[in-house]
Amino acid sequence: MSAQAPGKINRELRVGRLRADGFHEVLSRMVTIDLADGLEVEGLAGELRFTCEGDAPQDDSNLVVRAARALAHRIGRPAEARMHLTKRIPQGAGLGGGSADAAIALLLLMRLWEEEIPLAELADLAARLGSDVPFFLTGGEANVSGRGEQVRPVDDGPPEDLVLLLPAFPIATSLVYAAHRRFPPRALPDRLEIESSGKYFGPNDLALAVLETEQRMETLVDSARETSAECLISGSGSAIVLRGAEEEAIDELSRRHPDARIIRCRTVHRDEFEKTTGSSGGS
């Protein structure tokens, strides 16, 4: 059996104080997009065999393998399956590719192993794999809080055509947060700015830290802003998301930054996410 593992963008990301557990409190709006990895699983007696096509760890450090072992331990059975991952979402781009892969691995393996786990319990297991993993169990559009593991689905907005400006380099999330901690800490707002501003994108509190971590981002961000489109760095970067860019402006971006990739994508509503991933979207 197989499924798509859609990535995500952040429409807004607010980052609060550092918690005792080493994570920051966050408040964010995330939405899935149709740029997706692919995952195939099938039964295999006696071992867990993982292969990967594309730029991702090929060993047990891959979140797909970690998800399989964590699920097997949770239900008390051997981790037995053949799994093949096709990577299309770039690493270190702030698009959630690894987290999406882990979530879809959990969903597919539950079907393969004919197991059922309530969504709340599965989300708890997912959160141990990574802060963004629980979001990808249901997809669509949602507000996330806590360290990112608390997911509150919201009504999907109208489908949006977006453009991703993908630099040729990744950015490590850990380095961005380390840079962010050099700025004075701020309390989280009570609500997201996009809920009242009428704009598609709100602030990204990590943006300055991204620019400090990777100075090559500044030229790319400046070029994106010159298109007159709404734009925002997604998560901890390095992807820049544009909404409403004209074709001529997109062509100019491509000419200015020949090493970067430009990908057109669209948002994925929750019902479409459930069809492409096998998610039940339950509660």
C-alpha atoms as a PDB file:
ATOM      1  CA  MET A   1       0.000   0.000   0.000  1.00  0.00           C
ATOM      2  CA  SER A   2       1.117   3.563  -0.587  1.00  0.00           C
ATOM      3  CA  ALA A   3       0.223   7.143   0.260  1.00  0.00           C
ATOM      4  CA  GLN A   4       1.352  10.688  -0.328  1.00  0.00           C
ATOM      5  CA  ALA A   5       2.981  12.672   2.490  1.00  0.00           C
ATOM      6  CA  PRO A   6       2.109  16.331   1.798  1.00  0.00           C
ATOM      7  CA  GLY A   7       4.329  19.083   3.125  1.00  0.00           C
ATOM      8  CA  LYS A   8       3.171  22.266   4.845  1.00  0.00           C
ATOM      9  CA  ILE A   9       3.721  25.974   4.998  1.00  0.00           C
ATOM     10  CA  ASN A  10       3.395  28.309   7.943  1.00  0.00           C
ATOM     11  CA  ARG A  11       1.066  31.225   7.303  1.00  0.00           C
ATOM     12  CA  GLU A  12       2.220  32.747  10.576  1.00  0.00           C
ATOM     13  CA  LEU A  13       4.689  31.648  13.254  1.00  0.00           C
ATOM     14  CA  ARG A  14       4.997  33.237  16.672  1.00  0.00           C
ATOM     15  CA  VAL A  15       7.702  32.045  19.052  1.00  0.00           C
ATOM     16  CA  GLY A  16       7.536  32.585  22.801  1.00  0.00           C
ATOM     17  CA  ARG A  17       9.810  31.937  25.724  1.00  0.00           C
ATOM     18  CA  LEU A  18      12.073  28.930  26.168  1.00  0.00           C
ATOM     19  CA  ARG A  19      10.469  26.203  28.276  1.00  0.00           C
ATOM     20  CA  ALA A  20      12.120  24.094  30.952  1.00  0.00           C
ATOM     21  CA  ASP A  21      12.183  21.119  28.550  1.00  0.00           C
ATOM     22  CA  GLY A  22      14.339  23.036  26.048  1.00  0.00           C
ATOM     23  CA  PHE A  23      11.526  23.810  23.592  1.00  0.00           C
ATOM     24  CA  HIS A  24       9.969  27.176  22.823  1.00  0.00           C
ATOM     25  CA  GLU A  25       6.269  27.856  23.168  1.00  0.00           C
ATOM     26  CA  VAL A  26       4.857  28.540  19.714  1.00  0.00           C
ATOM     27  CA  LEU A  27       1.612  29.644  18.137  1.00  0.00           C
ATOM     28  CA  SER A  28       1.282  29.061  14.415  1.00  0.00           C
ATOM     29  CA  ARG A  29      -1.111  28.506  11.529  1.00  0.00           C
ATOM     30  CA  MET A  30      -0.060  25.633   9.295  1.00  0.00           C
ATOM     31  CA  VAL A  31      -1.643  24.351   6.100  1.00  0.00           C
ATOM     32  CA  THR A  32      -0.771  21.349   3.957  1.00  0.00           C
ATOM     33  CA  ILE A  33       0.351  21.744   0.341  1.00  0.00           C
ATOM     34  CA  ASP A  34       0.441  19.386  -2.623  1.00  0.00           C
ATOM     35  CA  LEU A  35       4.234  19.152  -2.746  1.00  0.00           C
ATOM     36  CA  ALA A  36       4.494  15.671  -1.277  1.00  0.00           C
ATOM     37  CA  ASP A  37       6.803  12.763  -0.619  1.00  0.00           C
ATOM     38  CA  GLY A  38       5.625   9.244  -1.397  1.00  0.00           C
ATOM     39  CA  LEU A  39       5.719   6.247   0.936  1.00  0.00           C
ATOM     40  CA  GLU A  40       5.125   2.590   0.104  1.00  0.00           C
ATOM     41  CA  VAL A  41       4.824  -0.184   2.693  1.00  0.00           C
ATOM     42  CA  GLU A  42       4.262  -3.914   2.395  1.00  0.00           C
ATOM     43  CA  GLY A  43       4.493  -6.936   4.630  1.00  0.00           C
ATOM     44  CA  LEU A  44       7.874  -8.552   5.232  1.00  0.00           C
ATOM     45  CA  ALA A  45       8.508 -11.339   7.709  1.00  0.00           C
ATOM     46  CA  GLY A  46      11.273 -11.056  10.248  1.00  0.00           C
ATOM     47  CA  GLU A  47      12.751  -7.629   9.528  1.00  0.00           C
ATOM     48  CA  LEU A  48      12.208  -3.952   8.879  1.00  0.00           C
ATOM     49  CA  ARG A  49      13.748  -3.003   5.547  1.00  0.00           C
ATOM     50  CA  PHE A  50      13.896   0.667   4.550  1.00  0.00           C
ATOM     51  CA  THR A  51      15.009   2.195   1.269  1.00  0.00           C
ATOM     52  CA  CYS A  52      14.913   5.806   0.161  1.00  0.00           C
ATOM     53  CA  GLU A  53      15.089   7.574  -3.181  1.00  0.00           C
ATOM     54  CA  GLY A  54      16.213  11.163  -2.820  1.00  0.00           C
ATOM     55  CA  ASP A  55      17.962  13.396  -0.322  1.00  0.00           C
ATOM     56  CA  ALA A  56      17.243  11.938   3.120  1.00  0.00           C
ATOM     57  CA  PRO A  57      18.949   9.664   5.659  1.00  0.00           C
ATOM     58  CA  GLN A  58      19.088   6.103   4.370  1.00  0.00           C
ATOM     59  CA  ASP A  59      19.535   4.484   7.794  1.00  0.00           C
ATOM     60  CA  ASP A  60      17.708   4.047  11.102  1.00  0.00           C
ATOM     61  CA  SER A  61      17.958   7.777  11.832  1.00  0.00           C
ATOM     62  CA  ASN A  62      15.249   8.459   9.237  1.00  0.00           C
ATOM     63  CA  LEU A  63      11.989   9.445  10.908  1.00  0.00           C
ATOM     64  CA  VAL A  64      10.133   6.815   8.884  1.00  0.00           C
ATOM     65  CA  VAL A  65      12.159   4.051  10.536  1.00  0.00           C
ATOM     66  CA  ARG A  66      11.865   5.666  13.953  1.00  0.00           C
ATOM     67  CA  ALA A  67       8.093   5.915  13.505  1.00  0.00           C
ATOM     68  CA  ALA A  68       7.851   2.251  12.541  1.00  0.00           C
ATOM     69  CA  ARG A  69       9.823   1.111  15.570  1.00  0.00           C
ATOM     70  CA  ALA A  70       7.892   3.394  17.924  1.00  0.00           C
ATOM     71  CA  LEU A  71       4.533   2.126  16.650  1.00  0.00           C
ATOM     72  CA  ALA A  72       5.622  -1.512  16.849  1.00  0.00           C
ATOM     73  CA  HIS A  73       6.743  -0.979  20.446  1.00  0.00           C
ATOM     74  CA  ARG A  74       3.452   0.753  21.306  1.00  0.00           C
ATOM     75  CA  ILE A  75       1.307  -2.134  20.052  1.00  0.00           C
ATOM     76  CA  GLY A  76       3.678  -4.869  21.218  1.00  0.00           C
ATOM     77  CA  ARG A  77       4.648  -6.507  17.952  1.00  0.00           C
ATOM     78  CA  PRO A  78       7.820  -6.905  15.880  1.00  0.00           C
ATOM     79  CA  ALA A  79       8.667  -4.062  13.505  1.00  0.00           C
ATOM     80  CA  GLU A  80       8.258  -6.050  10.285  1.00  0.00           C
ATOM     81  CA  ALA A  81       7.707  -4.297   6.955  1.00  0.00           C
ATOM     82  CA  ARG A  82       9.347  -3.241   3.731  1.00  0.00           C
ATOM     83  CA  MET A  83       9.221   0.548   3.365  1.00  0.00           C
ATOM     84  CA  HIS A  84      10.282   2.723   0.440  1.00  0.00           C
ATOM     85  CA  LEU A  85      10.330   6.515   0.632  1.00  0.00           C
ATOM     86  CA  THR A  86      10.451   8.809  -2.396  1.00  0.00           C
ATOM     87  CA  LYS A  87      11.643  12.266  -1.347  1.00  0.00           C
ATOM     88  CA  ARG A  88      10.367  15.339  -3.169  1.00  0.00           C
ATOM     89  CA  ILE A  89      10.152  17.805  -0.280  1.00  0.00           C
ATOM     90  CA  PRO A  90      13.616  19.299   0.270  1.00  0.00           C
ATOM     91  CA  GLN A  91      15.232  18.947   3.665  1.00  0.00           C
ATOM     92  CA  GLY A  92      15.959  22.024   5.746  1.00  0.00           C
ATOM     93  CA  ALA A  93      13.328  24.073   3.932  1.00  0.00           C
ATOM     94  CA  GLY A  94      10.737  24.591   6.677  1.00  0.00           C
ATOM     95  CA  LEU A  95       8.177  22.513   4.770  1.00  0.00           C
ATOM     96  CA  GLY A  96       7.866  19.663   7.271  1.00  0.00           C
ATOM     97  CA  GLY A  97       8.945  16.836   4.983  1.00  0.00           C
ATOM     98  CA  GLY A  98      10.459  14.571   7.628  1.00  0.00           C
ATOM     99  CA  SER A  99       7.535  15.090   9.992  1.00  0.00           C
ATOM    100  CA  ALA A 100       5.043  14.363   7.213  1.00  0.00           C
ATOM    101  CA  ASP A 101       6.877  11.144   6.357  1.00  0.00           C
ATOM    102  CA  ALA A 102       6.755   9.996   9.989  1.00  0.00           C
ATOM    103  CA  ALA A 103       3.027  10.681  10.309  1.00  0.00           C
ATOM    104  CA  ILE A 104       2.149   8.869   7.094  1.00  0.00           C
ATOM    105  CA  ALA A 105       4.340   5.940   8.150  1.00  0.00           C
ATOM    106  CA  LEU A 106       2.254   5.642  11.322  1.00  0.00           C
ATOM    107  CA  LEU A 107      -1.011   5.731   9.358  1.00  0.00           C
ATOM    108  CA  LEU A 108       0.100   3.214   6.719  1.00  0.00           C
ATOM    109  CA  LEU A 109       1.607   0.778   9.200  1.00  0.00           C
ATOM    110  CA  MET A 110      -1.549   0.763  11.305  1.00  0.00           C
ATOM    111  CA  ARG A 111      -3.411  -0.380   8.196  1.00  0.00           C
ATOM    112  CA  LEU A 112      -0.734  -2.902   7.252  1.00  0.00           C
ATOM    113  CA  TRP A 113      -0.622  -4.375  10.752  1.00  0.00           C
ATOM    114  CA  GLU A 114      -4.423  -4.129  11.132  1.00  0.00           C
ATOM    115  CA  GLU A 115      -4.231  -2.079  14.298  1.00  0.00           C
ATOM    116  CA  GLU A 116      -6.397   0.786  15.537  1.00  0.00           C
ATOM    117  CA  ILE A 117      -5.196   3.432  17.959  1.00  0.00           C
ATOM    118  CA  PRO A 118      -7.367   6.398  19.013  1.00  0.00           C
ATOM    119  CA  LEU A 119      -6.209   9.611  17.382  1.00  0.00           C
ATOM    120  CA  ALA A 120      -5.330  11.215  20.730  1.00  0.00           C
ATOM    121  CA  GLU A 121      -3.005   8.323  21.598  1.00  0.00           C
ATOM    122  CA  LEU A 122      -1.513   8.302  18.120  1.00  0.00           C
ATOM    123  CA  ALA A 123      -0.891  12.053  18.356  1.00  0.00           C
ATOM    124  CA  ASP A 124       0.940  11.519  21.656  1.00  0.00           C
ATOM    125  CA  LEU A 125       3.149   8.913  19.997  1.00  0.00           C
ATOM    126  CA  ALA A 126       3.681  11.245  17.025  1.00  0.00           C
ATOM    127  CA  ALA A 127       4.726  14.119  19.306  1.00  0.00           C
ATOM    128  CA  ARG A 128       7.549  11.994  20.693  1.00  0.00           C
ATOM    129  CA  LEU A 129       8.936  11.747  17.170  1.00  0.00           C
ATOM    130  CA  GLY A 130       8.796  15.483  16.490  1.00  0.00           C
ATOM    131  CA  SER A 131       6.802  18.593  17.325  1.00  0.00           C
ATOM    132  CA  ASP A 132       5.227  18.893  13.849  1.00  0.00           C
ATOM    133  CA  VAL A 133       4.356  15.208  13.403  1.00  0.00           C
ATOM    134  CA  PRO A 134       0.888  15.355  15.076  1.00  0.00           C
ATOM    135  CA  PHE A 135      -0.259  18.033  12.607  1.00  0.00           C
ATOM    136  CA  PHE A 136       0.322  15.653   9.702  1.00  0.00           C
ATOM    137  CA  LEU A 137      -2.060  13.049  11.127  1.00  0.00           C
ATOM    138  CA  THR A 138      -5.005  15.224  10.049  1.00  0.00           C
ATOM    139  CA  GLY A 139      -3.545  17.891   7.737  1.00  0.00           C
ATOM    140  CA  GLY A 140      -5.622  20.648   6.208  1.00  0.00           C
ATOM    141  CA  GLU A 141      -5.396  23.953   8.039  1.00  0.00           C
ATOM    142  CA  ALA A 142      -4.834  24.184  11.788  1.00  0.00           C
ATOM    143  CA  ASN A 143      -3.562  26.334  14.608  1.00  0.00           C
ATOM    144  CA  VAL A 144      -0.738  24.659  16.489  1.00  0.00           C
ATOM    145  CA  SER A 145       0.503  25.560  19.947  1.00  0.00           C
ATOM    146  CA  GLY A 146       2.518  24.192  22.855  1.00  0.00           C
ATOM    147  CA  ARG A 147       5.821  23.253  21.270  1.00  0.00           C
ATOM    148  CA  GLY A 148       3.830  22.592  18.091  1.00  0.00           C
ATOM    149  CA  GLU A 149       2.248  19.307  19.128  1.00  0.00           C
ATOM    150  CA  GLN A 150      -1.137  20.751  20.154  1.00  0.00           C
ATOM    151  CA  VAL A 151      -3.243  20.843  16.993  1.00  0.00           C
ATOM    152  CA  ARG A 152      -6.585  22.620  16.648  1.00  0.00           C
ATOM    153  CA  PRO A 153      -8.072  22.222  13.154  1.00  0.00           C
ATOM    154  CA  VAL A 154      -9.753  25.303  11.701  1.00  0.00           C
ATOM    155  CA  ASP A 155     -12.045  25.646   8.716  1.00  0.00           C
ATOM    156  CA  ASP A 156     -10.087  25.306   5.504  1.00  0.00           C
ATOM    157  CA  GLY A 157      -9.883  28.577   3.633  1.00  0.00           C
ATOM    158  CA  PRO A 158     -10.367  28.762  -0.139  1.00  0.00           C
ATOM    159  CA  PRO A 159      -7.721  26.868  -2.145  1.00  0.00           C
ATOM    160  CA  GLU A 160      -4.641  28.991  -2.691  1.00  0.00           C
ATOM    161  CA  ASP A 161      -2.141  28.844  -5.526  1.00  0.00           C
ATOM    162  CA  LEU A 162       1.322  29.483  -4.124  1.00  0.00           C
ATOM    163  CA  VAL A 163       4.901  29.668  -5.344  1.00  0.00           C
ATOM    164  CA  LEU A 164       7.834  28.236  -3.411  1.00  0.00           C
ATOM    165  CA  LEU A 165      11.244  29.828  -3.837  1.00  0.00           C
ATOM    166  CA  LEU A 166      13.617  27.073  -2.737  1.00  0.00           C
ATOM    167  CA  PRO A 167      17.267  28.037  -2.185  1.00  0.00           C
ATOM    168  CA  ALA A 168      19.969  25.554  -3.125  1.00  0.00           C
ATOM    169  CA  PHE A 169      20.948  25.237   0.540  1.00  0.00           C
ATOM    170  CA  PRO A 170      19.148  23.843   3.603  1.00  0.00           C
ATOM    171  CA  ILE A 171      18.974  25.567   6.971  1.00  0.00           C
ATOM    172  CA  ALA A 172      19.148  23.584  10.209  1.00  0.00           C
ATOM    173  CA  THR A 173      16.237  24.311  12.537  1.00  0.00           C
ATOM    174  CA  SER A 174      18.483  23.954  15.585  1.00  0.00           C
ATOM    175  CA  LEU A 175      20.784  26.726  14.347  1.00  0.00           C
ATOM    176  CA  VAL A 176      17.868  29.064  13.690  1.00  0.00           C
ATOM    177  CA  TYR A 177      16.454  28.589  17.177  1.00  0.00           C
ATOM    178  CA  ALA A 178      19.932  29.078  18.657  1.00  0.00           C
ATOM    179  CA  ALA A 179      20.169  32.402  16.812  1.00  0.00           C
ATOM    180  CA  HIS A 180      16.651  33.336  17.919  1.00  0.00           C
ATOM    181  CA  ARG A 181      17.604  32.852  21.557  1.00  0.00           C
ATOM    182  CA  ARG A 182      20.112  35.682  21.230  1.00  0.00           C
ATOM    183  CA  PHE A 183      17.206  38.110  20.820  1.00  0.00           C
ATOM    184  CA  PRO A 184      15.192  39.310  23.845  1.00  0.00           C
ATOM    185  CA  PRO A 185      12.401  36.808  24.636  1.00  0.00           C
ATOM    186  CA  ARG A 186       8.823  37.826  23.882  1.00  0.00           C
ATOM    187  CA  ALA A 187       5.494  36.575  25.166  1.00  0.00           C
ATOM    188  CA  LEU A 188       3.149  34.914  22.700  1.00  0.00           C
ATOM    189  CA  PRO A 189       0.180  36.956  21.472  1.00  0.00           C
ATOM    190  CA  ASP A 190      -3.308  35.898  22.509  1.00  0.00           C
ATOM    191  CA  ARG A 191      -4.254  35.234  18.903  1.00  0.00           C
ATOM    192  CA  LEU A 192      -2.703  35.081  15.467  1.00  0.00           C
ATOM    193  CA  GLU A 193      -2.510  38.300  13.469  1.00  0.00           C
ATOM    194  CA  ILE A 194      -3.987  36.679  10.344  1.00  0.00           C
ATOM    195  CA  GLU A 195      -7.242  36.078  12.224  1.00  0.00           C
ATOM    196  CA  SER A 196      -7.985  39.817  12.117  1.00  0.00           C
ATOM    197  CA  SER A 197      -5.666  41.430   9.554  1.00  0.00           C
ATOM    198  CA  GLY A 198      -7.270  40.129   6.365  1.00  0.00           C
ATOM    199  CA  LYS A 199      -3.815  39.207   5.068  1.00  0.00           C
ATOM    200  CA  TYR A 200      -2.850  35.693   4.062  1.00  0.00           C
ATOM    201  CA  PHE A 201       0.499  35.800   5.866  1.00  0.00           C
ATOM    202  CA  GLY A 202       1.302  37.082   9.327  1.00  0.00           C
ATOM    203  CA  PRO A 203       4.655  37.558  11.056  1.00  0.00           C
ATOM    204  CA  ASN A 204       7.318  34.878  11.303  1.00  0.00           C
ATOM    205  CA  ASP A 205       9.197  35.455  14.550  1.00  0.00           C
ATOM    206  CA  LEU A 206      12.080  33.327  13.283  1.00  0.00           C
ATOM    207  CA  ALA A 207      12.681  35.439  10.172  1.00  0.00           C
ATOM    208  CA  LEU A 208      15.489  37.555  11.628  1.00  0.00           C
ATOM    209  CA  ALA A 209      17.160  34.464  13.056  1.00  0.00           C
ATOM    210  CA  VAL A 210      16.972  32.799   9.632  1.00  0.00           C
ATOM    211  CA  LEU A 211      18.710  35.799   8.040  1.00  0.00           C
ATOM    212  CA  GLU A 212      21.363  35.802  10.742  1.00  0.00           C
ATOM    213  CA  THR A 213      21.949  32.055  10.379  1.00  0.00           C
ATOM    214  CA  GLU A 214      22.219  32.097   6.587  1.00  0.00           C
ATOM    215  CA  GLN A 215      23.196  35.450   5.095  1.00  0.00           C
ATOM    216  CA  ARG A 216      22.480  34.262   1.543  1.00  0.00           C
ATOM    217  CA  MET A 217      18.780  34.375   2.438  1.00  0.00           C
ATOM    218  CA  GLU A 218      18.725  38.177   2.490  1.00  0.00           C
ATOM    219  CA  THR A 219      19.061  38.566  -1.280  1.00  0.00           C
ATOM    220  CA  LEU A 220      16.388  35.931  -1.885  1.00  0.00           C
ATOM    221  CA  VAL A 221      13.962  37.556   0.544  1.00  0.00           C
ATOM    222  CA  ASP A 222      14.562  40.980  -1.034  1.00  0.00           C
ATOM    223  CA  SER A 223      13.850  39.554  -4.488  1.00  0.00           C
ATOM    224  CA  ALA A 224      10.651  37.901  -3.266  1.00  0.00           C
ATOM    225  CA  ARG A 225       9.446  41.173  -1.757  1.00  0.00           C
ATOM    226  CA  GLU A 226      10.123  43.033  -5.002  1.00  0.00           C
ATOM    227  CA  THR A 227       7.536  40.859  -6.787  1.00  0.00           C
ATOM    228  CA  SER A 228       4.783  42.764  -4.913  1.00  0.00           C
ATOM    229  CA  ALA A 229       3.358  39.410  -3.853  1.00  0.00           C
ATOM    230  CA  GLU A 230       2.641  38.508  -0.253  1.00  0.00           C
ATOM    231  CA  CYS A 231       5.588  36.441   0.927  1.00  0.00           C
ATOM    232  CA  LEU A 232       6.942  34.788   4.054  1.00  0.00           C
ATOM    233  CA  ILE A 233       9.753  32.469   5.065  1.00  0.00           C
ATOM    234  CA  SER A 234       8.119  29.157   5.979  1.00  0.00           C
ATOM    235  CA  GLY A 235       8.982  27.989   9.486  1.00  0.00           C
ATOM    236  CA  SER A 236      12.730  28.021  10.083  1.00  0.00           C
ATOM    237  CA  GLY A 237      13.461  28.273   6.340  1.00  0.00           C
ATOM    238  CA  SER A 238      14.883  28.072   3.844  1.00  0.00           C
ATOM    239  CA  ALA A 239      11.744  28.053   1.647  1.00  0.00           C
ATOM    240  CA  ILE A 240      10.106  31.382   0.848  1.00  0.00           C
ATOM    241  CA  VAL A 241       6.386  31.206   0.045  1.00  0.00           C
ATOM    242  CA  LEU A 242       4.752  33.703  -2.324  1.00  0.00           C
ATOM    243  CA  ARG A 243       1.060  34.340  -2.922  1.00  0.00           C
ATOM    244  CA  GLY A 244      -0.242  36.397  -5.810  1.00  0.00           C
ATOM    245  CA  ALA A 245       2.992  36.671  -7.788  1.00  0.00           C
ATOM    246  CA  GLU A 246       2.588  37.518 -11.473  1.00  0.00           C
ATOM    247  CA  GLU A 247       4.184  35.249 -14.066  1.00  0.00           C
ATOM    248  CA  GLU A 248       6.639  37.936 -15.168  1.00  0.00           C
ATOM    249  CA  ALA A 249       7.772  38.382 -11.574  1.00  0.00           C
ATOM    250  CA  ILE A 250       8.242  34.640 -11.166  1.00  0.00           C
ATOM    251  CA  ASP A 251      10.306  34.523 -14.355  1.00  0.00           C
ATOM    252  CA  GLU A 252      12.440  37.378 -13.027  1.00  0.00           C
ATOM    253  CA  LEU A 253      13.020  35.458  -9.777  1.00  0.00           C
ATOM    254  CA  SER A 254      14.225  32.516 -11.821  1.00  0.00           C
ATOM    255  CA  ARG A 255      16.618  34.700 -13.810  1.00  0.00           C
ATOM    256  CA  ARG A 256      18.027  36.365 -10.705  1.00  0.00           C
ATOM    257  CA  HIS A 257      18.496  33.135  -8.774  1.00  0.00           C
ATOM    258  CA  PRO A 258      19.325  30.357 -11.250  1.00  0.00           C
ATOM    259  CA  ASP A 259      20.544  28.055  -8.465  1.00  0.00           C
ATOM    260  CA  ALA A 260      17.213  28.235  -6.651  1.00  0.00           C
ATOM    261  CA  ARG A 261      14.204  26.116  -7.552  1.00  0.00           C
ATOM    262  CA  ILE A 262      10.780  27.601  -8.139  1.00  0.00           C
ATOM    263  CA  ILE A 263       7.853  25.269  -7.536  1.00  0.00           C
ATOM    264  CA  ARG A 264       4.193  26.078  -8.025  1.00  0.00           C
ATOM    265  CA  CYS A 265       1.939  24.400  -5.496  1.00  0.00           C
ATOM    266  CA  ARG A 266      -1.487  24.754  -3.925  1.00  0.00           C
ATOM    267  CA  THR A 267      -2.977  24.257  -0.512  1.00  0.00           C
ATOM    268  CA  VAL A 268      -4.546  20.898   0.325  1.00  0.00           C
ATOM    269  CA  HIS A 269      -7.835  20.834   2.222  1.00  0.00           C
ATOM    270  CA  ARG A 270      -8.462  18.304   4.969  1.00  0.00           C
ATOM    271  CA  ASP A 271     -10.819  16.120   2.933  1.00  0.00           C
ATOM    272  CA  GLU A 272      -8.273  15.850   0.109  1.00  0.00           C
ATOM    273  CA  PHE A 273      -5.530  15.167   2.657  1.00  0.00           C
ATOM    274  CA  GLU A 274      -7.552  12.270   4.067  1.00  0.00           C
ATOM    275  CA  LYS A 275      -8.018  10.765   0.600  1.00  0.00           C
ATOM    276  CA  THR A 276      -4.343  10.970  -0.365  1.00  0.00           C
ATOM    277  CA  THR A 277      -2.907   9.843   2.972  1.00  0.00           C
ATOM    278  CA  GLY A 278      -5.400   7.364   4.367  1.00  0.00           C
ATOM    279  CA  SER A 279      -5.993   9.587   7.406  1.00  0.00           C
ATOM    280  CA  SER A 280      -9.382   9.201   9.049  1.00  0.00           C
ATOM    281  CA  GLY A 281      -9.369  12.709  10.479  1.00  0.00           C
ATOM    282  CA  GLY A 282     -11.062  11.334  13.579  1.00  0.00           C
ATOM    283  CA  SER A 283     -11.070  12.736  17.063  1.00  0.00           C
END
